[in-house]
Amino acid sequence: MSALSVEAFVAQQEKYAWRRKILNVVLRQVGFRFLAKVEASGLDNVPLSGPTILMMNHISLLDPFACVGVITKRLVVPMSKIENMRLPVFSTLFRWYGIYTVNRGEVDRKALMNSVELLKSGQMILLAPEGTRHPEGLSRPKDGLAWVATKADATILPAAVSGKVDFKARWKRLKRAQVHVSFGRPFKFKADGQKRVPRDILQKMMDEAMYQLALAQPDSRLRGVYSDLSQVTTEYLEFVET
């Protein structure tokens, strides 16, 4: 979607909606039945409307498919690294689904503004704050998610992915991968009316957000640098009722 302007991409969300519904049905009926066993907990925490960031930890290729597929009451617009648009077959599906891309090696302002404007139009978007896969457990995030959330006054929903995601090895043994998505408590960042939140505060916001992701993570081995839950603080968080 990088060829479209931010305004044009947001304006086309209605067109993408029916495509996403079709592909989500295929994902659940085929992917979740034959390729991976996907389960979810905490679905009552998913906001049914309004600007929402689905904040996902990233441990395998299956994570975004699982997060998108288990949410049935609204559609999710995923962000993906631009390299995925060069994958045979998948790139066509991604374009048809209407994902948007990010250049991970730079501050991608277009990706950030796509995120803000999608949220302002009431969408739920999928972001991985760590920027890349960390199968060993949570790592320190970038502050882009907090910047986007404060600009759009968005709700953040932690989505902690765990399970037996070594899908290639399991498929060779004719076994499905097993993925669990656990949704934590939704919250917003307290910006105290600031139009421009200082960088150091954005990082503090992200650390508090990552601890919420760690709290939602049922597998303690995947909490990584946020394993010490005694360090949880909520100075910059305001929890949201769903």
C-alpha atoms as a PDB file:
ATOM      1  CA  MET A   1       0.000   0.000   0.000  1.00  0.00           C
ATOM      2  CA  SER A   2       3.034   2.252   0.012  1.00  0.00           C
ATOM      3  CA  ALA A   3       2.172   3.665  -3.432  1.00  0.00           C
ATOM      4  CA  LEU A   4      -0.997   5.270  -2.065  1.00  0.00           C
ATOM      5  CA  SER A   5      -1.039   8.527  -0.168  1.00  0.00           C
ATOM      6  CA  VAL A   6      -2.075   8.363   3.471  1.00  0.00           C
ATOM      7  CA  GLU A   7      -5.409   9.995   2.657  1.00  0.00           C
ATOM      8  CA  ALA A   8      -6.100   7.646  -0.267  1.00  0.00           C
ATOM      9  CA  PHE A   9      -5.256   4.546   1.766  1.00  0.00           C
ATOM     10  CA  VAL A  10      -7.549   5.546   4.631  1.00  0.00           C
ATOM     11  CA  ALA A  11     -10.340   6.388   2.165  1.00  0.00           C
ATOM     12  CA  GLN A  12     -10.139   2.861   0.714  1.00  0.00           C
ATOM     13  CA  GLN A  13     -10.765   1.050   3.998  1.00  0.00           C
ATOM     14  CA  GLU A  14     -14.402   0.414   3.131  1.00  0.00           C
ATOM     15  CA  LYS A  15     -13.291  -1.377  -0.047  1.00  0.00           C
ATOM     16  CA  TYR A  16     -10.827  -3.511   1.884  1.00  0.00           C
ATOM     17  CA  ALA A  17     -13.397  -4.427   4.545  1.00  0.00           C
ATOM     18  CA  TRP A  18     -15.248  -7.035   2.501  1.00  0.00           C
ATOM     19  CA  ARG A  19     -11.944  -8.523   1.292  1.00  0.00           C
ATOM     20  CA  ARG A  20     -10.750  -8.864   4.877  1.00  0.00           C
ATOM     21  CA  LYS A  21     -13.981 -10.587   5.878  1.00  0.00           C
ATOM     22  CA  ILE A  22     -13.556 -13.153   3.094  1.00  0.00           C
ATOM     23  CA  LEU A  23      -9.893 -13.847   3.848  1.00  0.00           C
ATOM     24  CA  ASN A  24     -10.571 -14.041   7.597  1.00  0.00           C
ATOM     25  CA  VAL A  25     -13.150 -16.765   6.985  1.00  0.00           C
ATOM     26  CA  VAL A  26     -10.607 -18.677   4.882  1.00  0.00           C
ATOM     27  CA  LEU A  27      -7.974 -18.188   7.583  1.00  0.00           C
ATOM     28  CA  ARG A  28     -10.229 -19.593  10.308  1.00  0.00           C
ATOM     29  CA  GLN A  29     -11.805 -22.411   8.303  1.00  0.00           C
ATOM     30  CA  VAL A  30      -8.636 -23.599   6.591  1.00  0.00           C
ATOM     31  CA  GLY A  31      -5.588 -22.199   8.401  1.00  0.00           C
ATOM     32  CA  PHE A  32      -6.880 -22.743  11.937  1.00  0.00           C
ATOM     33  CA  ARG A  33      -8.239 -26.209  11.150  1.00  0.00           C
ATOM     34  CA  PHE A  34      -5.397 -27.759   9.188  1.00  0.00           C
ATOM     35  CA  LEU A  35      -2.221 -25.695   9.672  1.00  0.00           C
ATOM     36  CA  ALA A  36      -2.317 -24.379  13.228  1.00  0.00           C
ATOM     37  CA  LYS A  37      -4.473 -24.853  16.286  1.00  0.00           C
ATOM     38  CA  VAL A  38      -5.195 -21.322  17.482  1.00  0.00           C
ATOM     39  CA  GLU A  39      -6.895 -20.507  20.779  1.00  0.00           C
ATOM     40  CA  ALA A  40      -7.563 -17.236  22.576  1.00  0.00           C
ATOM     41  CA  SER A  41      -8.355 -16.005  26.070  1.00  0.00           C
ATOM     42  CA  GLY A  42      -9.455 -12.582  27.278  1.00  0.00           C
ATOM     43  CA  LEU A  43     -11.596 -11.841  24.218  1.00  0.00           C
ATOM     44  CA  ASP A  44     -13.947  -9.840  26.454  1.00  0.00           C
ATOM     45  CA  ASN A  45     -11.135  -7.263  26.665  1.00  0.00           C
ATOM     46  CA  VAL A  46     -11.348  -6.479  22.926  1.00  0.00           C
ATOM     47  CA  PRO A  47     -12.962  -3.037  22.397  1.00  0.00           C
ATOM     48  CA  LEU A  48     -15.872  -3.381  19.983  1.00  0.00           C
ATOM     49  CA  SER A  49     -15.318   0.029  18.404  1.00  0.00           C
ATOM     50  CA  GLY A  50     -13.099   3.078  18.388  1.00  0.00           C
ATOM     51  CA  PRO A  51      -9.421   3.651  17.587  1.00  0.00           C
ATOM     52  CA  THR A  52      -7.514   0.635  18.923  1.00  0.00           C
ATOM     53  CA  ILE A  53      -3.929  -0.577  18.689  1.00  0.00           C
ATOM     54  CA  LEU A  54      -3.486  -4.329  18.977  1.00  0.00           C
ATOM     55  CA  MET A  55      -0.044  -4.492  20.614  1.00  0.00           C
ATOM     56  CA  MET A  56       1.508  -7.864  19.817  1.00  0.00           C
ATOM     57  CA  ASN A  57       4.699  -9.584  20.911  1.00  0.00           C
ATOM     58  CA  HIS A  58       6.422 -11.216  17.952  1.00  0.00           C
ATOM     59  CA  ILE A  59       7.850 -14.731  18.238  1.00  0.00           C
ATOM     60  CA  SER A  60       7.070 -16.329  14.860  1.00  0.00           C
ATOM     61  CA  LEU A  61       5.578 -15.916  11.399  1.00  0.00           C
ATOM     62  CA  LEU A  62       2.229 -17.150  12.740  1.00  0.00           C
ATOM     63  CA  ASP A  63       1.683 -14.327  15.254  1.00  0.00           C
ATOM     64  CA  PRO A  64      -0.075 -11.729  13.070  1.00  0.00           C
ATOM     65  CA  PHE A  65      -2.299 -14.376  11.434  1.00  0.00           C
ATOM     66  CA  ALA A  66      -3.343 -15.652  14.855  1.00  0.00           C
ATOM     67  CA  CYS A  67      -4.063 -12.179  16.229  1.00  0.00           C
ATOM     68  CA  VAL A  68      -6.067 -11.124  13.183  1.00  0.00           C
ATOM     69  CA  GLY A  69      -7.986 -14.382  13.007  1.00  0.00           C
ATOM     70  CA  VAL A  70      -9.127 -14.800  16.609  1.00  0.00           C
ATOM     71  CA  ILE A  71     -10.837 -11.403  16.693  1.00  0.00           C
ATOM     72  CA  THR A  72     -14.223 -11.980  15.090  1.00  0.00           C
ATOM     73  CA  LYS A  73     -16.247  -8.925  16.122  1.00  0.00           C
ATOM     74  CA  ARG A  74     -14.217  -6.352  14.216  1.00  0.00           C
ATOM     75  CA  LEU A  75     -11.561  -6.157  11.522  1.00  0.00           C
ATOM     76  CA  VAL A  76      -7.849  -5.590  12.070  1.00  0.00           C
ATOM     77  CA  VAL A  77      -5.542  -3.627   9.747  1.00  0.00           C
ATOM     78  CA  PRO A  78      -2.023  -5.072  10.096  1.00  0.00           C
ATOM     79  CA  MET A  79       1.251  -3.231   9.633  1.00  0.00           C
ATOM     80  CA  SER A  80       4.023  -5.356   8.095  1.00  0.00           C
ATOM     81  CA  LYS A  81       7.665  -4.885   7.221  1.00  0.00           C
ATOM     82  CA  ILE A  82       8.056  -3.851   3.587  1.00  0.00           C
ATOM     83  CA  GLU A  83      10.176  -6.936   2.822  1.00  0.00           C
ATOM     84  CA  ASN A  84       7.030  -9.089   3.097  1.00  0.00           C
ATOM     85  CA  MET A  85       5.653  -7.411  -0.015  1.00  0.00           C
ATOM     86  CA  ARG A  86       8.321  -9.215  -2.031  1.00  0.00           C
ATOM     87  CA  LEU A  87       7.248 -12.722  -0.981  1.00  0.00           C
ATOM     88  CA  PRO A  88       5.759 -14.867  -3.755  1.00  0.00           C
ATOM     89  CA  VAL A  89       2.005 -15.473  -3.368  1.00  0.00           C
ATOM     90  CA  PHE A  90       1.854 -13.858   0.077  1.00  0.00           C
ATOM     91  CA  SER A  91       2.533 -10.392  -1.330  1.00  0.00           C
ATOM     92  CA  THR A  92      -0.568 -10.676  -3.528  1.00  0.00           C
ATOM     93  CA  LEU A  93      -2.683 -11.739  -0.561  1.00  0.00           C
ATOM     94  CA  PHE A  94      -1.270  -8.945   1.595  1.00  0.00           C
ATOM     95  CA  ARG A  95      -2.061  -6.328  -1.038  1.00  0.00           C
ATOM     96  CA  TRP A  96      -5.566  -7.703  -1.498  1.00  0.00           C
ATOM     97  CA  TYR A  97      -6.090  -7.673   2.270  1.00  0.00           C
ATOM     98  CA  GLY A  98      -4.909  -4.084   2.480  1.00  0.00           C
ATOM     99  CA  ILE A  99      -1.991  -4.274   4.877  1.00  0.00           C
ATOM    100  CA  TYR A 100       0.313  -1.258   5.074  1.00  0.00           C
ATOM    101  CA  THR A 101       4.069  -1.340   5.279  1.00  0.00           C
ATOM    102  CA  VAL A 102       6.909   0.058   7.335  1.00  0.00           C
ATOM    103  CA  ASN A 103      10.602   0.500   6.553  1.00  0.00           C
ATOM    104  CA  ARG A 104      12.194  -0.807   9.746  1.00  0.00           C
ATOM    105  CA  GLY A 105      15.643   0.670   9.149  1.00  0.00           C
ATOM    106  CA  GLU A 106      14.466   4.263   9.443  1.00  0.00           C
ATOM    107  CA  VAL A 107      11.864   6.517  11.017  1.00  0.00           C
ATOM    108  CA  ASP A 108       9.109   5.809   8.497  1.00  0.00           C
ATOM    109  CA  ARG A 109       6.914   8.898   8.787  1.00  0.00           C
ATOM    110  CA  LYS A 110       4.425   7.658   6.209  1.00  0.00           C
ATOM    111  CA  ALA A 111       3.876   4.452   8.173  1.00  0.00           C
ATOM    112  CA  LEU A 112       3.425   6.480  11.350  1.00  0.00           C
ATOM    113  CA  MET A 113       0.916   8.821   9.708  1.00  0.00           C
ATOM    114  CA  ASN A 114      -0.928   5.877   8.130  1.00  0.00           C
ATOM    115  CA  SER A 115      -1.271   4.480  11.648  1.00  0.00           C
ATOM    116  CA  VAL A 116      -2.518   7.765  13.113  1.00  0.00           C
ATOM    117  CA  GLU A 117      -5.060   8.408  10.358  1.00  0.00           C
ATOM    118  CA  LEU A 118      -6.341   4.820  10.371  1.00  0.00           C
ATOM    119  CA  LEU A 119      -6.922   5.124  14.102  1.00  0.00           C
ATOM    120  CA  LYS A 120      -8.634   8.490  13.778  1.00  0.00           C
ATOM    121  CA  SER A 121     -11.026   6.860  11.310  1.00  0.00           C
ATOM    122  CA  GLY A 122     -11.944   4.309  13.996  1.00  0.00           C
ATOM    123  CA  GLN A 123      -9.882   1.325  12.838  1.00  0.00           C
ATOM    124  CA  MET A 124      -8.096  -1.335  14.877  1.00  0.00           C
ATOM    125  CA  ILE A 125      -4.486  -1.719  13.745  1.00  0.00           C
ATOM    126  CA  LEU A 126      -1.904  -4.377  14.562  1.00  0.00           C
ATOM    127  CA  LEU A 127       1.577  -3.255  15.660  1.00  0.00           C
ATOM    128  CA  ALA A 128       4.575  -5.142  17.042  1.00  0.00           C
ATOM    129  CA  PRO A 129       6.386  -2.585  19.244  1.00  0.00           C
ATOM    130  CA  GLU A 130       9.653  -4.538  19.288  1.00  0.00           C
ATOM    131  CA  GLY A 131       9.953  -4.122  15.514  1.00  0.00           C
ATOM    132  CA  THR A 132      11.130  -7.660  14.785  1.00  0.00           C
ATOM    133  CA  ARG A 133      10.790 -11.213  16.076  1.00  0.00           C
ATOM    134  CA  HIS A 134      12.046 -12.074  19.570  1.00  0.00           C
ATOM    135  CA  PRO A 135      11.341 -15.772  20.196  1.00  0.00           C
ATOM    136  CA  GLU A 136      13.495 -15.610  23.315  1.00  0.00           C
ATOM    137  CA  GLY A 137      11.081 -13.186  25.031  1.00  0.00           C
ATOM    138  CA  LEU A 138      10.110  -9.522  25.212  1.00  0.00           C
ATOM    139  CA  SER A 139      12.797  -6.944  24.443  1.00  0.00           C
ATOM    140  CA  ARG A 140      12.903  -3.172  24.769  1.00  0.00           C
ATOM    141  CA  PRO A 141      10.489  -1.582  22.275  1.00  0.00           C
ATOM    142  CA  LYS A 142      10.723   1.404  19.989  1.00  0.00           C
ATOM    143  CA  ASP A 143       8.623   4.418  21.015  1.00  0.00           C
ATOM    144  CA  GLY A 144       6.633   4.703  17.751  1.00  0.00           C
ATOM    145  CA  LEU A 145       3.576   2.976  19.199  1.00  0.00           C
ATOM    146  CA  ALA A 146       3.318   5.483  22.049  1.00  0.00           C
ATOM    147  CA  TRP A 147       3.751   8.388  19.603  1.00  0.00           C
ATOM    148  CA  VAL A 148       0.949   7.043  17.400  1.00  0.00           C
ATOM    149  CA  ALA A 149      -1.334   6.268  20.338  1.00  0.00           C
ATOM    150  CA  THR A 150      -1.023   9.721  21.885  1.00  0.00           C
ATOM    151  CA  LYS A 151      -1.561  11.456  18.538  1.00  0.00           C
ATOM    152  CA  ALA A 152      -4.738   9.458  17.871  1.00  0.00           C
ATOM    153  CA  ASP A 153      -5.982   9.107  21.475  1.00  0.00           C
ATOM    154  CA  ALA A 154      -6.119   5.362  20.856  1.00  0.00           C
ATOM    155  CA  THR A 155      -6.817   2.465  23.171  1.00  0.00           C
ATOM    156  CA  ILE A 156      -4.027  -0.109  23.399  1.00  0.00           C
ATOM    157  CA  LEU A 157      -4.917  -3.792  23.706  1.00  0.00           C
ATOM    158  CA  PRO A 158      -2.075  -6.145  24.741  1.00  0.00           C
ATOM    159  CA  ALA A 159      -2.023  -9.377  22.703  1.00  0.00           C
ATOM    160  CA  ALA A 160       0.422 -11.898  24.170  1.00  0.00           C
ATOM    161  CA  VAL A 161       1.265 -14.755  21.802  1.00  0.00           C
ATOM    162  CA  SER A 162       2.633 -18.071  23.083  1.00  0.00           C
ATOM    163  CA  GLY A 163       2.582 -21.763  22.198  1.00  0.00           C
ATOM    164  CA  LYS A 164       4.394 -24.359  20.092  1.00  0.00           C
ATOM    165  CA  VAL A 165       5.058 -22.192  17.049  1.00  0.00           C
ATOM    166  CA  ASP A 166       7.884 -24.219  15.467  1.00  0.00           C
ATOM    167  CA  PHE A 167       5.458 -24.854  12.633  1.00  0.00           C
ATOM    168  CA  LYS A 168       7.919 -26.125  10.003  1.00  0.00           C
ATOM    169  CA  ALA A 169       9.283 -28.857  12.258  1.00  0.00           C
ATOM    170  CA  ARG A 170       5.797 -29.802  13.435  1.00  0.00           C
ATOM    171  CA  TRP A 171       4.369 -29.916   9.901  1.00  0.00           C
ATOM    172  CA  LYS A 172       7.122 -32.369   8.921  1.00  0.00           C
ATOM    173  CA  ARG A 173       5.790 -34.638  11.679  1.00  0.00           C
ATOM    174  CA  LEU A 174       2.230 -33.998  10.420  1.00  0.00           C
ATOM    175  CA  LYS A 175       1.407 -32.011  13.538  1.00  0.00           C
ATOM    176  CA  ARG A 176      -0.178 -28.592  13.685  1.00  0.00           C
ATOM    177  CA  ALA A 177       1.506 -25.657  15.352  1.00  0.00           C
ATOM    178  CA  GLN A 178      -0.226 -24.558  18.552  1.00  0.00           C
ATOM    179  CA  VAL A 179      -0.744 -20.857  19.148  1.00  0.00           C
ATOM    180  CA  HIS A 180      -2.439 -19.097  22.045  1.00  0.00           C
ATOM    181  CA  VAL A 181      -3.327 -15.403  22.070  1.00  0.00           C
ATOM    182  CA  SER A 182      -4.033 -13.891  25.472  1.00  0.00           C
ATOM    183  CA  PHE A 183      -5.574 -10.418  25.549  1.00  0.00           C
ATOM    184  CA  GLY A 184      -4.739  -8.196  28.495  1.00  0.00           C
ATOM    185  CA  ARG A 185      -6.460  -5.162  29.966  1.00  0.00           C
ATOM    186  CA  PRO A 186      -6.986  -2.328  27.452  1.00  0.00           C
ATOM    187  CA  PHE A 187      -5.600   1.077  28.369  1.00  0.00           C
ATOM    188  CA  LYS A 188      -4.757   4.531  27.095  1.00  0.00           C
ATOM    189  CA  PHE A 189      -1.669   6.629  27.678  1.00  0.00           C
ATOM    190  CA  LYS A 190      -2.008   9.713  29.864  1.00  0.00           C
ATOM    191  CA  ALA A 191      -0.692  12.580  27.752  1.00  0.00           C
ATOM    192  CA  ASP A 192      -2.068  15.272  30.099  1.00  0.00           C
ATOM    193  CA  GLY A 193      -3.130  17.387  27.146  1.00  0.00           C
ATOM    194  CA  GLN A 194       0.362  17.617  25.684  1.00  0.00           C
ATOM    195  CA  LYS A 195       0.354  17.923  21.903  1.00  0.00           C
ATOM    196  CA  ARG A 196       3.970  16.837  21.784  1.00  0.00           C
ATOM    197  CA  VAL A 197       5.035  14.250  24.351  1.00  0.00           C
ATOM    198  CA  PRO A 198       8.793  14.335  25.126  1.00  0.00           C
ATOM    199  CA  ARG A 199      10.828  11.366  23.895  1.00  0.00           C
ATOM    200  CA  ASP A 200      11.838  10.254  27.379  1.00  0.00           C
ATOM    201  CA  ILE A 201       8.186  10.157  28.448  1.00  0.00           C
ATOM    202  CA  LEU A 202       7.255   8.153  25.350  1.00  0.00           C
ATOM    203  CA  GLN A 203       9.854   5.560  26.344  1.00  0.00           C
ATOM    204  CA  LYS A 204       8.491   5.416  29.899  1.00  0.00           C
ATOM    205  CA  MET A 205       5.009   4.932  28.462  1.00  0.00           C
ATOM    206  CA  MET A 206       6.291   2.066  26.346  1.00  0.00           C
ATOM    207  CA  ASP A 207       7.993   0.365  29.278  1.00  0.00           C
ATOM    208  CA  GLU A 208       4.727   0.461  31.219  1.00  0.00           C
ATOM    209  CA  ALA A 209       2.868  -0.845  28.144  1.00  0.00           C
ATOM    210  CA  MET A 210       5.335  -3.716  27.754  1.00  0.00           C
ATOM    211  CA  TYR A 211       4.794  -4.725  31.365  1.00  0.00           C
ATOM    212  CA  GLN A 212       1.071  -4.947  30.578  1.00  0.00           C
ATOM    213  CA  LEU A 213       1.981  -7.231  27.691  1.00  0.00           C
ATOM    214  CA  ALA A 214       4.118  -9.271  30.096  1.00  0.00           C
ATOM    215  CA  LEU A 215       1.205  -9.529  32.537  1.00  0.00           C
ATOM    216  CA  ALA A 216      -0.970 -10.904  29.725  1.00  0.00           C
ATOM    217  CA  GLN A 217       1.715 -13.438  28.750  1.00  0.00           C
ATOM    218  CA  PRO A 218       0.890 -16.851  30.328  1.00  0.00           C
ATOM    219  CA  ASP A 219       4.335 -18.258  29.476  1.00  0.00           C
ATOM    220  CA  SER A 220       6.755 -16.660  31.931  1.00  0.00           C
ATOM    221  CA  ARG A 221       9.700 -17.668  29.705  1.00  0.00           C
ATOM    222  CA  LEU A 222       8.480 -15.220  27.055  1.00  0.00           C
ATOM    223  CA  ARG A 223       8.372 -12.156  29.303  1.00  0.00           C
ATOM    224  CA  GLY A 224      12.019 -11.445  28.573  1.00  0.00           C
ATOM    225  CA  VAL A 225      13.394  -8.206  30.002  1.00  0.00           C
ATOM    226  CA  TYR A 226       9.970  -7.536  31.529  1.00  0.00           C
ATOM    227  CA  SER A 227       9.963 -10.726  33.628  1.00  0.00           C
ATOM    228  CA  ASP A 228      10.186  -8.958  36.984  1.00  0.00           C
ATOM    229  CA  LEU A 229       6.515  -8.105  37.470  1.00  0.00           C
ATOM    230  CA  SER A 230       7.274  -6.400  40.778  1.00  0.00           C
ATOM    231  CA  GLN A 231       8.528  -3.507  38.614  1.00  0.00           C
ATOM    232  CA  VAL A 232       5.092  -2.883  37.052  1.00  0.00           C
ATOM    233  CA  THR A 233       3.984   0.752  37.231  1.00  0.00           C
ATOM    234  CA  THR A 234       0.970   2.546  35.748  1.00  0.00           C
ATOM    235  CA  GLU A 235       1.910   6.210  36.117  1.00  0.00           C
ATOM    236  CA  TYR A 236       1.242   6.909  32.433  1.00  0.00           C
ATOM    237  CA  LEU A 237      -1.614   4.438  31.912  1.00  0.00           C
ATOM    238  CA  GLU A 238      -5.373   4.781  32.237  1.00  0.00           C
ATOM    239  CA  PHE A 239      -7.306   1.515  31.988  1.00  0.00           C
ATOM    240  CA  VAL A 240     -10.381   1.339  29.773  1.00  0.00           C
ATOM    241  CA  GLU A 241     -13.623  -0.543  30.418  1.00  0.00           C
ATOM    242  CA  THR A 242     -14.972  -2.615  27.509  1.00  0.00           C
END
